[in-house]
Amino acid sequence: MPTADLELDYLQRASVETRPDRTAPSSSATAELPPEPQTASLIDLSAWMQESPPWLISAVVHMVALIVLGLLAMASVVEAPFLLNARYGEELGEIDLDSIDDLNVPQDVVIEQSELAPNELPEVVDPLSMPDLVPLSPDGLLAASDSPSISVGLALSGRNPGMREALRDAYGGTALTDQAVMEGLRWLARQQRSNGSWSLRGPYRDGGNRENREAATAMALLAFQGHGHTHKPLPGDEFPNVVARGWNWLLAQQYDDGHFYGDVGDARLYTHAQCTIAICELYAMTRDEDLRKPAQKAVDYCVKYQTSAGGWRYEPGRDEDLSVTGWFAMALQSARMAGLEVPSETFQRLSDYLDTVQHEYGSRYSYRARGRGATPAMTAEGLLCRQYLGWERDDQRLQDGVSYLLKFLPEWDERNVYHWYYATQVMHHMEGKPWREWNNVMRQLLPEQQEKRGRERGSWDPNGDRWGSQGGRLFTTCLSIYMLEVYYRHLPLYSHEAAQ
């Protein structure tokens, strides 16, 4: 029988066999009745399966399996959700885990879920638990390379919430230093001009004797960034628009060749170096790709106008002094931390230049190669450059230089915040006894001398400072803030297990 006829015959017989019979048969007709409906269906189904094509049988089997699985899944749904109430351990006190018999949770417990905002991040217990430090090489980032040569210890992660507080405690900061930093930042925020810039002349008292808005803006931004504030503020940020407005203005001042300075006379390269530090730090902290190109252009300008002797001074590509060169060394180091391209020969020429201004076999430094002798300020700047270029902590030249600097601990009657700024960084990188001796004085002196009342509250008086009349109140305030941020601004170059 053809397949079509077989299917039709099956359907007709199945219809008859399964139709309900509402009349009871007589006993005389029992032997002639057809088989029970279930038996007949099984017999016919067997015949149908023997004659049906394999694909039809497979389809039927799979359909039945899917229906069964669906029914099982529906049967497993639990109407009442499992709910858990989570609480912080500090709210409950100590819990005796041994007294808990089981962990059966009643089904009527409700979960209270909360989010951790970035400013609520847990404090880092050991901020220096990291892989071994990579030995610092002066090679930096080769122009043809796409991977940075930096030390783990130079990462800017110490500025992050949680890590910042842990580093402050680990390196001798106090609530007093924290308060002084915040008051200083609030003073800076009040001085920001309507266009986003800052000024060296005012509107505060005791401004500098010359104007340089690019340098003033870069210095103010460095103070905010040192405390972890960027143009991408975190929740709870006290300065949500200050940094963004500052950078909107400063980026608009950059020229096509990468430089930031305007008509500021012999402060042109000072200005560019400070702006380069600021933009490289910001890029390193945020990885904002919109900043990469202007940051790299600023670095390229630094590289282009390094003199053949290895330094920088007032005019691009002409002459050198250690004061200007030190700012450029910091700019190139910031570029290296950000993973930007700096040719290795730039660092080598910088090292060669330092050789020309060193004294006492490299333990002390002077302003110029043909100038007067070594000074504490230039020694601090020179030694910091040497640390970044790879001198080890136990280098005898560095050790002797640090001993020399410790003879000039900060004294308010002999102020030189420029010297203190560089020396504070040198000592912080040294750690151990040199750092404790320096920090014990610095962390007390600066907060004590900060303005406590009036419109200048939070700033530092420039009168009496070696360079106060030139830089003015904003200059002395920014450098003072940098020093009080030193605990977390940069992680130390050397091992945290420095000799005690």
Protein backbone atom coordinates (compact mmCIF):
# COMPACT_ATOMS: atom_id res chain seq x y z
CA MET A 1 0.00 0.00 0.00
CA PRO A 2 1.38 3.39 -0.87
CA THR A 3 2.43 5.64 2.00
CA ALA A 4 -0.36 8.16 1.46
CA ASP A 5 -2.99 5.36 1.55
CA LEU A 6 -1.39 3.96 4.67
CA GLU A 7 -1.63 7.28 6.48
CA LEU A 8 -5.28 7.79 5.41
CA ASP A 9 -6.25 4.27 6.52
CA TYR A 10 -4.54 4.84 9.89
CA LEU A 11 -6.35 8.09 10.50
CA GLN A 12 -9.75 6.60 9.61
CA ARG A 13 -9.28 3.59 11.88
CA ALA A 14 -7.89 5.65 14.73
CA SER A 15 -10.93 7.92 14.50
CA VAL A 16 -13.28 4.94 14.86
CA GLU A 17 -11.30 3.26 17.60
CA THR A 18 -11.05 6.33 19.78
CA ARG A 19 -14.64 7.59 19.27
CA PRO A 20 -16.53 7.19 22.58
CA ASP A 21 -19.26 4.45 22.61
CA ARG A 22 -22.13 5.60 24.83
CA THR A 23 -24.08 2.23 24.61
CA ALA A 24 -23.02 -0.86 26.55
CA PRO A 25 -22.54 -3.93 24.25
CA SER A 26 -24.57 -7.09 24.82
CA SER A 27 -22.84 -10.14 26.22
CA SER A 28 -23.46 -12.11 23.02
CA ALA A 29 -21.35 -9.72 20.98
CA THR A 30 -18.36 -9.60 23.26
CA ALA A 31 -16.19 -12.03 21.25
CA GLU A 32 -16.62 -10.00 18.08
CA LEU A 33 -15.59 -6.66 19.54
CA PRO A 34 -12.33 -5.16 18.25
CA PRO A 35 -9.34 -4.89 20.64
CA GLU A 36 -9.39 -2.21 23.38
CA PRO A 37 -8.62 1.29 22.00
CA GLN A 38 -5.17 1.51 23.73
CA THR A 39 -4.10 -1.88 22.37
CA ALA A 40 -5.25 -1.02 18.89
CA SER A 41 -3.36 2.28 19.01
CA LEU A 42 -0.13 0.56 19.98
CA ILE A 43 -0.50 -2.00 17.20
CA ASP A 44 -1.29 0.65 14.61
CA LEU A 45 1.51 2.94 15.91
CA SER A 46 4.00 0.09 15.52
CA ALA A 47 2.88 -0.48 11.95
CA TRP A 48 3.01 3.25 11.29
CA MET A 49 6.57 3.53 12.64
CA GLN A 50 7.70 0.65 10.46
CA GLU A 51 6.31 2.28 7.33
CA SER A 52 7.10 5.98 8.18
CA PRO A 53 10.27 7.70 6.90
CA PRO A 54 13.04 8.14 9.54
CA TRP A 55 12.92 11.95 9.48
CA LEU A 56 9.27 11.98 10.53
CA ILE A 57 9.90 9.65 13.45
CA SER A 58 12.90 11.73 14.57
CA ALA A 59 10.85 14.92 14.46
CA VAL A 60 8.10 13.41 16.59
CA VAL A 61 10.58 12.08 19.16
CA HIS A 62 12.36 15.44 19.49
CA MET A 63 9.08 17.29 19.82
CA VAL A 64 7.97 15.02 22.64
CA ALA A 65 11.35 15.46 24.39
CA LEU A 66 11.09 19.26 24.19
CA ILE A 67 7.58 19.22 25.64
CA VAL A 68 8.70 17.03 28.54
CA LEU A 69 11.73 19.25 29.30
CA GLY A 70 9.55 22.35 29.20
CA LEU A 71 7.13 20.85 31.67
CA LEU A 72 9.99 19.91 33.98
CA ALA A 73 11.41 23.45 33.83
CA MET A 74 8.04 24.95 34.66
CA ALA A 75 7.65 22.61 37.56
CA SER A 76 11.02 23.73 39.04
CA VAL A 77 10.07 27.43 39.33
CA VAL A 78 9.94 28.60 42.93
CA GLU A 79 7.48 31.39 43.49
CA ALA A 80 9.13 32.72 46.67
CA PRO A 81 12.63 34.18 45.96
CA PHE A 82 15.62 33.40 48.17
CA LEU A 83 16.44 36.68 49.91
CA LEU A 84 19.46 37.58 52.01
CA ASN A 85 20.02 40.59 54.26
CA ALA A 86 23.67 41.69 54.06
CA ARG A 87 25.15 43.95 56.74
CA TYR A 88 28.61 45.28 57.45
CA GLY A 89 30.50 43.48 60.19
CA GLU A 90 31.27 46.76 61.97
CA GLU A 91 27.54 47.14 62.70
CA LEU A 92 27.31 43.75 64.35
CA GLY A 93 30.52 43.62 66.35
CA GLU A 94 32.51 40.41 66.62
CA ILE A 95 30.68 37.22 65.63
CA ASP A 96 31.42 33.79 67.13
CA LEU A 97 31.32 31.61 64.03
CA ASP A 98 31.65 28.43 66.13
CA SER A 99 28.26 29.13 67.72
CA ILE A 100 26.48 28.97 64.36
CA ASP A 101 24.85 25.53 63.99
CA ASP A 102 23.90 25.77 60.35
CA LEU A 103 23.45 28.22 57.51
CA ASN A 104 19.79 27.57 56.77
CA VAL A 105 18.42 30.92 55.69
CA PRO A 106 14.68 31.58 56.13
CA GLN A 107 12.92 32.47 52.92
CA ASP A 108 11.46 35.70 54.24
CA VAL A 109 14.89 37.39 54.65
CA VAL A 110 15.26 40.42 52.34
CA ILE A 111 18.42 41.51 50.53
CA GLU A 112 19.35 45.15 51.05
CA GLN A 113 21.80 45.87 48.28
CA SER A 114 23.91 49.02 48.26
CA GLU A 115 26.52 50.36 45.88
CA LEU A 116 30.04 51.35 46.85
CA ALA A 117 30.84 54.77 45.46
CA PRO A 118 34.52 55.41 44.57
CA ASN A 119 34.90 57.68 47.58
CA GLU A 120 33.75 54.80 49.80
CA LEU A 121 36.41 52.37 48.58
CA PRO A 122 38.04 50.35 51.34
CA GLU A 123 41.37 51.60 52.57
CA VAL A 124 44.36 49.70 51.24
CA VAL A 125 46.06 47.93 54.13
CA ASP A 126 49.47 47.51 52.54
CA PRO A 127 49.83 50.00 49.67
CA LEU A 128 53.27 48.69 48.79
CA SER A 129 52.36 45.03 48.39
CA MET A 130 53.33 44.87 44.74
CA PRO A 131 55.77 42.95 42.56
CA ASP A 132 59.45 43.68 42.97
CA LEU A 133 60.40 47.05 41.58
CA VAL A 134 61.83 47.06 38.10
CA PRO A 135 65.32 48.60 38.04
CA LEU A 136 65.00 52.06 36.55
CA SER A 137 66.79 52.47 33.26
CA PRO A 138 67.65 55.82 31.70
CA ASP A 139 66.60 54.46 28.33
CA GLY A 140 63.02 55.63 28.81
CA LEU A 141 60.72 54.91 25.91
CA LEU A 142 62.47 54.52 22.58
CA ALA A 143 60.95 56.49 19.75
CA ALA A 144 60.32 53.27 17.83
CA SER A 145 58.93 51.35 20.81
CA ASP A 146 55.32 51.03 21.90
CA SER A 147 55.99 49.84 25.46
CA PRO A 148 57.18 52.07 28.30
CA SER A 149 60.31 51.49 30.35
CA ILE A 150 59.14 52.62 33.77
CA SER A 151 59.32 51.44 37.35
CA VAL A 152 56.25 50.09 39.10
CA GLY A 153 57.15 52.45 41.92
CA LEU A 154 56.47 55.45 39.70
CA ALA A 155 52.83 54.69 39.10
CA LEU A 156 50.37 57.42 40.03
CA SER A 157 47.97 55.00 41.67
CA GLY A 158 48.78 56.43 45.09
CA ARG A 159 46.46 59.34 44.33
CA ASN A 160 43.41 57.08 44.19
CA PRO A 161 40.92 57.02 47.07
CA GLY A 162 41.82 54.38 49.62
CA MET A 163 45.42 54.11 48.45
CA ARG A 164 45.96 57.80 49.20
CA GLU A 165 45.01 57.46 52.86
CA ALA A 166 47.06 54.29 53.29
CA LEU A 167 50.18 55.88 51.83
CA ARG A 168 49.71 58.98 53.94
CA ASP A 169 49.70 56.83 57.07
CA ALA A 170 52.57 54.64 55.87
CA TYR A 171 54.89 57.58 55.19
CA GLY A 172 54.14 59.81 58.12
CA GLY A 173 51.35 62.07 56.98
CA THR A 174 48.77 63.21 59.50
CA ALA A 175 45.27 64.62 59.74
CA LEU A 176 46.98 68.00 60.00
CA THR A 177 48.75 67.58 56.63
CA ASP A 178 45.48 66.41 55.05
CA GLN A 179 43.62 69.43 56.35
CA ALA A 180 46.34 71.78 55.13
CA VAL A 181 46.15 70.28 51.62
CA MET A 182 42.38 70.66 51.48
CA GLU A 183 42.50 74.26 52.73
CA GLY A 184 45.15 75.01 50.13
CA LEU A 185 43.05 73.53 47.32
CA ARG A 186 40.02 75.49 48.48
CA TRP A 187 42.06 78.69 48.36
CA LEU A 188 43.16 77.86 44.81
CA ALA A 189 39.56 77.15 43.78
CA ARG A 190 38.54 80.58 45.03
CA GLN A 191 41.27 82.22 42.94
CA GLN A 192 40.27 80.65 39.63
CA ARG A 193 39.25 83.25 37.09
CA SER A 194 35.96 83.14 35.22
CA ASN A 195 37.65 81.79 32.07
CA GLY A 196 39.19 78.85 33.99
CA SER A 197 42.75 80.19 34.31
CA TRP A 198 44.81 81.34 37.29
CA SER A 199 47.06 84.38 37.66
CA LEU A 200 50.44 84.98 39.33
CA ARG A 201 49.46 88.59 40.10
CA GLY A 202 46.12 88.28 41.88
CA PRO A 203 43.26 88.82 42.77
CA TYR A 204 44.81 87.73 46.08
CA ARG A 205 47.35 89.70 48.14
CA ASP A 206 51.10 89.56 47.50
CA GLY A 207 51.06 88.48 43.88
CA GLY A 208 54.22 87.96 41.85
CA ASN A 209 56.08 90.76 40.14
CA ARG A 210 55.19 89.46 36.67
CA GLU A 211 52.22 87.81 35.02
CA ASN A 212 52.24 84.30 33.59
CA ARG A 213 48.78 82.77 33.40
CA GLU A 214 49.90 79.59 31.63
CA ALA A 215 52.43 78.79 34.37
CA ALA A 216 50.01 79.78 37.14
CA THR A 217 47.30 77.55 35.66
CA ALA A 218 49.66 74.59 35.25
CA MET A 219 50.87 74.93 38.85
CA ALA A 220 47.32 75.09 40.22
CA LEU A 221 46.26 72.06 38.17
CA LEU A 222 49.27 70.10 39.43
CA ALA A 223 48.14 70.77 43.00
CA PHE A 224 44.64 69.41 42.31
CA GLN A 225 45.97 66.42 40.34
CA GLY A 226 48.40 65.60 43.15
CA HIS A 227 45.38 64.95 45.35
CA GLY A 228 43.67 62.81 42.72
CA HIS A 229 41.37 65.38 41.09
CA THR A 230 41.08 65.28 37.29
CA HIS A 231 38.71 66.58 34.63
CA LYS A 232 36.72 63.38 35.24
CA PRO A 233 35.61 63.92 38.85
CA LEU A 234 34.63 61.09 41.17
CA PRO A 235 31.33 61.11 43.09
CA GLY A 236 31.63 63.36 46.10
CA ASP A 237 34.41 65.41 44.51
CA GLU A 238 34.59 68.83 46.16
CA PHE A 239 36.01 70.40 42.99
CA PRO A 240 33.82 68.94 40.21
CA ASN A 241 34.41 71.68 37.65
CA VAL A 242 37.65 73.35 38.73
CA VAL A 243 40.07 71.02 36.93
CA ALA A 244 37.90 70.67 33.83
CA ARG A 245 37.59 74.45 33.42
CA GLY A 246 41.31 74.89 33.99
CA TRP A 247 42.19 72.37 31.31
CA ASN A 248 39.70 73.77 28.84
CA TRP A 249 41.54 77.07 29.10
CA LEU A 250 45.11 75.70 29.14
CA LEU A 251 44.66 73.34 26.18
CA ALA A 252 43.39 76.29 24.16
CA GLN A 253 46.76 78.01 24.74
CA GLN A 254 48.83 75.23 23.14
CA TYR A 255 50.39 76.11 19.78
CA ASP A 256 50.59 73.82 16.78
CA ASP A 257 54.22 72.95 17.46
CA GLY A 258 53.30 71.81 20.99
CA HIS A 259 54.47 74.69 23.21
CA PHE A 260 52.23 76.38 25.80
CA TYR A 261 53.92 79.67 26.66
CA GLY A 262 52.95 83.13 25.48
CA ASP A 263 54.85 86.40 25.72
CA VAL A 264 56.48 85.76 29.10
CA GLY A 265 60.10 86.64 28.40
CA ASP A 266 62.71 84.41 30.00
CA ALA A 267 60.02 82.28 31.66
CA ARG A 268 59.02 80.65 28.39
CA LEU A 269 60.66 77.30 28.95
CA TYR A 270 59.84 77.23 32.66
CA THR A 271 56.23 77.58 31.56
CA HIS A 272 56.35 74.89 28.92
CA ALA A 273 58.00 72.38 31.25
CA GLN A 274 55.37 72.92 33.94
CA CYS A 275 52.52 72.58 31.44
CA THR A 276 54.10 69.40 30.06
CA ILE A 277 54.31 67.86 33.54
CA ALA A 278 50.65 68.69 34.13
CA ILE A 279 49.30 67.28 30.87
CA CYS A 280 51.43 64.12 31.05
CA GLU A 281 50.21 63.47 34.58
CA LEU A 282 46.61 64.00 33.57
CA TYR A 283 46.94 61.60 30.66
CA ALA A 284 48.66 59.02 32.87
CA MET A 285 45.90 59.31 35.48
CA THR A 286 42.90 59.13 33.12
CA ARG A 287 44.10 57.50 29.88
CA ASP A 288 41.85 59.96 28.08
CA GLU A 289 42.79 59.46 24.44
CA ASP A 290 41.84 63.05 23.65
CA LEU A 291 44.89 64.08 25.71
CA ARG A 292 47.43 61.78 24.12
CA LYS A 293 48.13 63.90 21.05
CA PRO A 294 48.58 67.27 22.85
CA ALA A 295 50.67 65.55 25.54
CA GLN A 296 52.94 63.93 22.96
CA LYS A 297 53.29 67.23 21.08
CA ALA A 298 54.38 68.94 24.30
CA VAL A 299 56.95 66.18 24.94
CA ASP A 300 58.22 66.38 21.36
CA TYR A 301 58.81 70.10 21.85
CA CYS A 302 60.89 69.35 24.96
CA VAL A 303 62.99 66.84 23.03
CA LYS A 304 63.41 69.08 20.01
CA TYR A 305 64.83 72.02 21.95
CA GLN A 306 67.23 70.20 24.25
CA THR A 307 70.67 71.66 23.62
CA SER A 308 73.58 69.60 22.40
CA ALA A 309 74.99 69.85 25.93
CA GLY A 310 71.83 68.15 27.26
CA GLY A 311 69.98 70.96 29.08
CA TRP A 312 67.50 73.81 28.69
CA ARG A 313 67.40 77.45 29.75
CA TYR A 314 65.47 80.56 28.70
CA GLU A 315 65.39 80.31 24.90
CA PRO A 316 64.57 77.12 23.00
CA GLY A 317 67.75 75.29 22.03
CA ARG A 318 70.11 77.88 23.52
CA ASP A 319 72.14 77.52 26.71
CA GLU A 320 71.44 75.55 29.89
CA ASP A 321 71.02 75.91 33.63
CA LEU A 322 70.04 73.31 36.21
CA SER A 323 66.97 75.20 37.41
CA VAL A 324 65.17 75.08 34.05
CA THR A 325 66.67 71.69 33.21
CA GLY A 326 65.25 70.20 36.42
CA TRP A 327 61.71 71.10 35.40
CA PHE A 328 62.28 69.47 32.01
CA ALA A 329 63.65 66.36 33.69
CA MET A 330 60.40 66.12 35.64
CA ALA A 331 58.42 66.66 32.41
CA LEU A 332 60.22 63.82 30.65
CA GLN A 333 59.81 61.58 33.68
CA SER A 334 56.07 62.32 33.69
CA ALA A 335 55.98 61.43 29.99
CA ARG A 336 57.71 58.16 30.72
CA MET A 337 55.18 57.35 33.45
CA ALA A 338 52.39 58.09 30.96
CA GLY A 339 53.87 55.75 28.35
CA LEU A 340 54.59 58.54 25.87
CA GLU A 341 57.53 58.43 23.48
CA VAL A 342 60.83 59.86 24.69
CA PRO A 343 64.02 58.94 22.79
CA SER A 344 66.64 57.23 24.95
CA GLU A 345 69.33 59.65 23.81
CA THR A 346 67.39 62.51 25.42
CA PHE A 347 67.97 60.94 28.84
CA GLN A 348 71.59 60.20 28.05
CA ARG A 349 72.26 63.83 27.11
CA LEU A 350 70.52 64.93 30.30
CA SER A 351 72.85 62.71 32.32
CA ASP A 352 75.83 64.15 30.48
CA TYR A 353 74.67 67.66 31.32
CA LEU A 354 74.35 66.84 35.01
CA ASP A 355 78.00 65.78 34.93
CA THR A 356 78.94 69.33 33.94
CA VAL A 357 77.24 70.94 36.99
CA GLN A 358 78.17 68.36 39.61
CA HIS A 359 80.67 68.84 42.45
CA GLU A 360 82.21 66.49 44.99
CA TYR A 361 82.10 63.60 42.46
CA GLY A 362 78.33 64.03 41.98
CA SER A 363 77.11 64.52 45.55
CA ARG A 364 76.45 68.27 45.08
CA TYR A 365 75.33 70.56 42.24
CA SER A 366 75.52 74.15 41.08
CA TYR A 367 73.22 76.35 39.03
CA ARG A 368 75.48 76.47 35.97
CA ALA A 369 78.63 74.77 34.81
CA ARG A 370 80.57 78.05 34.78
CA GLY A 371 78.81 79.60 37.76
CA ARG A 372 79.35 79.65 41.47
CA GLY A 373 79.63 76.59 43.70
CA ALA A 374 77.05 74.09 44.86
CA THR A 375 73.93 75.18 46.76
CA PRO A 376 71.34 73.17 48.72
CA ALA A 377 68.57 74.01 46.23
CA MET A 378 70.56 72.95 43.16
CA THR A 379 71.89 69.89 44.96
CA ALA A 380 68.35 68.77 45.75
CA GLU A 381 67.29 69.32 42.14
CA GLY A 382 70.34 67.56 40.75
CA LEU A 383 70.00 64.55 43.05
CA LEU A 384 66.31 64.14 42.19
CA CYS A 385 67.28 64.04 38.51
CA ARG A 386 69.91 61.42 39.32
CA GLN A 387 67.36 59.31 41.15
CA TYR A 388 65.06 59.37 38.14
CA LEU A 389 67.96 58.50 35.85
CA GLY A 390 68.74 55.34 37.77
CA TRP A 391 71.11 55.99 40.66
CA GLU A 392 70.57 53.30 43.29
CA ARG A 393 69.61 54.16 46.83
CA ASP A 394 72.92 52.91 48.22
CA ASP A 395 75.02 54.88 45.71
CA GLN A 396 77.64 56.61 47.84
CA ARG A 397 77.29 59.85 45.88
CA LEU A 398 73.57 59.94 46.60
CA GLN A 399 74.09 59.04 50.24
CA ASP A 400 76.62 61.84 50.69
CA GLY A 401 74.37 64.32 48.94
CA VAL A 402 71.45 63.44 51.19
CA SER A 403 73.64 63.90 54.27
CA TYR A 404 74.55 67.35 52.96
CA LEU A 405 70.86 68.28 52.43
CA LEU A 406 69.92 67.17 55.94
CA LYS A 407 72.08 70.01 57.26
CA PHE A 408 69.48 72.40 55.81
CA LEU A 409 66.22 71.28 57.36
CA PRO A 410 63.27 73.65 56.76
CA GLU A 411 63.27 76.80 58.93
CA TRP A 412 60.60 79.45 58.49
CA ASP A 413 63.02 82.31 59.03
CA GLU A 414 65.14 81.03 56.13
CA ARG A 415 62.43 80.12 53.67
CA ASN A 416 63.13 78.69 50.26
CA VAL A 417 60.14 76.60 49.20
CA TYR A 418 61.82 75.90 45.86
CA HIS A 419 64.67 74.16 47.69
CA TRP A 420 62.23 72.42 50.07
CA TYR A 421 60.11 71.15 47.18
CA TYR A 422 62.98 69.27 45.54
CA ALA A 423 64.55 68.12 48.81
CA THR A 424 61.22 66.73 50.02
CA GLN A 425 61.00 64.50 46.95
CA VAL A 426 64.60 63.32 47.29
CA MET A 427 64.08 62.36 50.94
CA HIS A 428 60.75 60.67 50.23
CA HIS A 429 62.39 58.45 47.62
CA MET A 430 65.20 57.64 50.05
CA GLU A 431 62.72 56.56 52.78
CA GLY A 432 64.07 55.32 56.09
CA LYS A 433 65.91 57.62 58.48
CA PRO A 434 66.57 60.50 56.02
CA TRP A 435 62.88 60.76 55.20
CA ARG A 436 61.74 60.59 58.82
CA GLU A 437 64.21 63.31 59.84
CA TRP A 438 63.06 65.63 57.04
CA ASN A 439 59.35 64.83 57.30
CA ASN A 440 59.18 65.33 61.07
CA VAL A 441 60.06 68.98 60.50
CA MET A 442 58.24 69.61 57.23
CA ARG A 443 54.86 68.13 58.21
CA GLN A 444 54.72 70.34 61.29
CA LEU A 445 56.15 73.57 59.90
CA LEU A 446 54.02 74.00 56.78
CA PRO A 447 50.59 73.48 58.39
CA GLU A 448 51.57 75.78 61.27
CA GLN A 449 52.51 78.61 58.90
CA GLN A 450 49.48 78.30 56.64
CA GLU A 451 47.06 81.25 56.73
CA LYS A 452 44.25 80.35 59.15
CA ARG A 453 41.72 83.14 58.64
CA GLY A 454 40.58 85.88 56.29
CA ARG A 455 40.32 85.88 52.52
CA GLU A 456 43.77 84.25 52.15
CA ARG A 457 42.92 81.32 54.40
CA GLY A 458 44.60 78.17 53.09
CA SER A 459 47.51 79.93 51.34
CA TRP A 460 51.11 80.61 52.37
CA ASP A 461 52.62 84.08 52.68
CA PRO A 462 55.42 84.62 50.12
CA ASN A 463 57.06 87.43 52.11
CA GLY A 464 60.43 86.29 53.38
CA ASP A 465 60.77 83.45 50.89
CA ARG A 466 63.85 83.35 48.66
CA TRP A 467 61.73 83.53 45.49
CA GLY A 468 58.48 84.83 46.97
CA SER A 469 58.59 88.24 45.35
CA GLN A 470 58.88 86.73 41.87
CA GLY A 471 56.41 83.86 42.13
CA GLY A 472 54.07 85.44 44.67
CA ARG A 473 51.45 83.83 46.86
CA LEU A 474 50.22 81.31 44.30
CA PHE A 475 53.77 80.06 43.68
CA THR A 476 54.55 79.50 47.37
CA THR A 477 51.12 77.98 48.00
CA CYS A 478 51.34 75.47 45.15
CA LEU A 479 54.83 74.28 46.12
CA SER A 480 53.71 73.94 49.74
CA ILE A 481 50.73 71.83 48.67
CA TYR A 482 52.99 69.62 46.54
CA MET A 483 55.17 68.94 49.58
CA LEU A 484 52.20 67.99 51.76
CA GLU A 485 50.93 65.67 49.01
CA VAL A 486 54.29 63.91 48.77
CA TYR A 487 53.10 60.87 50.73
CA TYR A 488 50.96 59.71 47.82
CA ARG A 489 51.80 62.00 44.90
CA HIS A 490 54.45 59.58 43.60
CA LEU A 491 55.24 56.16 45.01
CA PRO A 492 58.86 55.91 46.18
CA LEU A 493 61.42 54.91 43.60
CA TYR A 494 63.14 52.38 45.83
CA SER A 495 61.92 49.42 47.83
CA HIS A 496 59.58 50.13 50.72
CA GLU A 497 61.87 47.91 52.79
CA ALA A 498 64.58 50.55 52.83
CA ALA A 499 67.19 50.30 55.57
CA GLN A 500 65.93 51.69 58.87
